[in-house]
Amino acid sequence: MEIKFNKEIYSLGAVKLAIKEFSELADIDIEQEQNYIRVKFIKVKEGDMAEMKDEFANYVLGLHS
């Protein structure tokens, strides 16, 4: 399961911070594309992967508020 963050809206620093904060809850990979930051959830250690993805996206959004 993955999320694509548009680089015009989301900073790489915010996405990396969120990955660090979620590292105890999930194994997450990050890849940069020309216009996007792609975050891929490899394994969720506890809970539901879809819910974790939503929580992660909300967390990144909150870092930009």
C-alpha atoms as a PDB file:
ATOM      1  CA  MET A   1       0.000   0.000   0.000  1.00  0.00           C
ATOM      2  CA  GLU A   2       1.404   3.409  -0.870  1.00  0.00           C
ATOM      3  CA  ILE A   3       0.791   7.136  -0.789  1.00  0.00           C
ATOM      4  CA  LYS A   4       2.059   9.706  -3.283  1.00  0.00           C
ATOM      5  CA  PHE A   5       2.698  13.202  -1.906  1.00  0.00           C
ATOM      6  CA  ASN A   6       2.927  16.054  -4.400  1.00  0.00           C
ATOM      7  CA  LYS A   7       6.221  17.909  -3.882  1.00  0.00           C
ATOM      8  CA  GLU A   8       4.528  21.237  -4.612  1.00  0.00           C
ATOM      9  CA  ILE A   9       2.374  20.730  -1.516  1.00  0.00           C
ATOM     10  CA  TYR A  10       4.369  18.478   0.836  1.00  0.00           C
ATOM     11  CA  SER A  11       7.986  18.871   1.888  1.00  0.00           C
ATOM     12  CA  LEU A  12      10.417  15.980   1.924  1.00  0.00           C
ATOM     13  CA  GLY A  13      11.383  16.956   5.464  1.00  0.00           C
ATOM     14  CA  ALA A  14       7.809  16.569   6.718  1.00  0.00           C
ATOM     15  CA  VAL A  15       7.438  13.160   5.077  1.00  0.00           C
ATOM     16  CA  LYS A  16      10.765  11.977   6.524  1.00  0.00           C
ATOM     17  CA  LEU A  17       9.770  13.213   9.984  1.00  0.00           C
ATOM     18  CA  ALA A  18       6.487  11.303   9.743  1.00  0.00           C
ATOM     19  CA  ILE A  19       8.352   8.148   8.693  1.00  0.00           C
ATOM     20  CA  LYS A  20      10.602   8.531  11.736  1.00  0.00           C
ATOM     21  CA  GLU A  21       7.609   8.996  14.040  1.00  0.00           C
ATOM     22  CA  PHE A  22       5.807   5.962  12.567  1.00  0.00           C
ATOM     23  CA  SER A  23       8.888   3.717  12.452  1.00  0.00           C
ATOM     24  CA  GLU A  24       7.845   1.761  15.538  1.00  0.00           C
ATOM     25  CA  LEU A  25       4.427   1.081  14.033  1.00  0.00           C
ATOM     26  CA  ALA A  26       5.310   0.166  10.451  1.00  0.00           C
ATOM     27  CA  ASP A  27       8.138  -0.583   8.051  1.00  0.00           C
ATOM     28  CA  ILE A  28       8.044   2.224   5.477  1.00  0.00           C
ATOM     29  CA  ASP A  29      10.064   2.894   2.317  1.00  0.00           C
ATOM     30  CA  ILE A  30      10.407   6.241   0.585  1.00  0.00           C
ATOM     31  CA  GLU A  31      11.197   7.025  -3.058  1.00  0.00           C
ATOM     32  CA  GLN A  32      11.440  10.366  -4.800  1.00  0.00           C
ATOM     33  CA  GLU A  33      10.056  10.938  -8.260  1.00  0.00           C
ATOM     34  CA  GLN A  34      10.158  14.120 -10.280  1.00  0.00           C
ATOM     35  CA  ASN A  35       6.962  15.599  -8.848  1.00  0.00           C
ATOM     36  CA  TYR A  36       6.109  13.192  -6.048  1.00  0.00           C
ATOM     37  CA  ILE A  37       7.367  11.590  -2.878  1.00  0.00           C
ATOM     38  CA  ARG A  38       6.202   7.966  -2.844  1.00  0.00           C
ATOM     39  CA  VAL A  39       5.761   6.321   0.564  1.00  0.00           C
ATOM     40  CA  LYS A  40       5.257   2.565   0.602  1.00  0.00           C
ATOM     41  CA  PHE A  41       4.035   0.651   3.643  1.00  0.00           C
ATOM     42  CA  ILE A  42       5.884  -2.667   3.669  1.00  0.00           C
ATOM     43  CA  LYS A  43       4.606  -4.079   6.934  1.00  0.00           C
ATOM     44  CA  VAL A  44       2.371  -2.720   9.670  1.00  0.00           C
ATOM     45  CA  LYS A  45       3.461  -4.102  13.033  1.00  0.00           C
ATOM     46  CA  GLU A  46       0.111  -3.532  14.756  1.00  0.00           C
ATOM     47  CA  GLY A  47      -3.326  -2.681  13.440  1.00  0.00           C
ATOM     48  CA  ASP A  48      -4.817  -2.273   9.986  1.00  0.00           C
ATOM     49  CA  MET A  49      -2.656  -1.174   7.042  1.00  0.00           C
ATOM     50  CA  ALA A  50      -5.373   1.010   5.461  1.00  0.00           C
ATOM     51  CA  GLU A  51      -5.984   2.773   8.767  1.00  0.00           C
ATOM     52  CA  MET A  52      -2.235   3.272   9.278  1.00  0.00           C
ATOM     53  CA  LYS A  53      -1.952   4.783   5.785  1.00  0.00           C
ATOM     54  CA  ASP A  54      -4.753   7.242   6.558  1.00  0.00           C
ATOM     55  CA  GLU A  55      -3.236   8.185   9.919  1.00  0.00           C
ATOM     56  CA  PHE A  56       0.156   8.717   8.288  1.00  0.00           C
ATOM     57  CA  ALA A  57      -1.313  10.987   5.603  1.00  0.00           C
ATOM     58  CA  ASN A  58      -3.158  12.999   8.258  1.00  0.00           C
ATOM     59  CA  TYR A  59       0.041  13.308  10.292  1.00  0.00           C
ATOM     60  CA  VAL A  60       2.002  14.645   7.320  1.00  0.00           C
ATOM     61  CA  LEU A  61      -0.814  17.089   6.558  1.00  0.00           C
ATOM     62  CA  GLY A  62      -0.765  18.236  10.190  1.00  0.00           C
ATOM     63  CA  LEU A  63       2.940  18.966   9.971  1.00  0.00           C
ATOM     64  CA  HIS A  64       2.130  21.547   7.282  1.00  0.00           C
ATOM     65  CA  SER A  65      -0.541  23.322   9.337  1.00  0.00           C
END
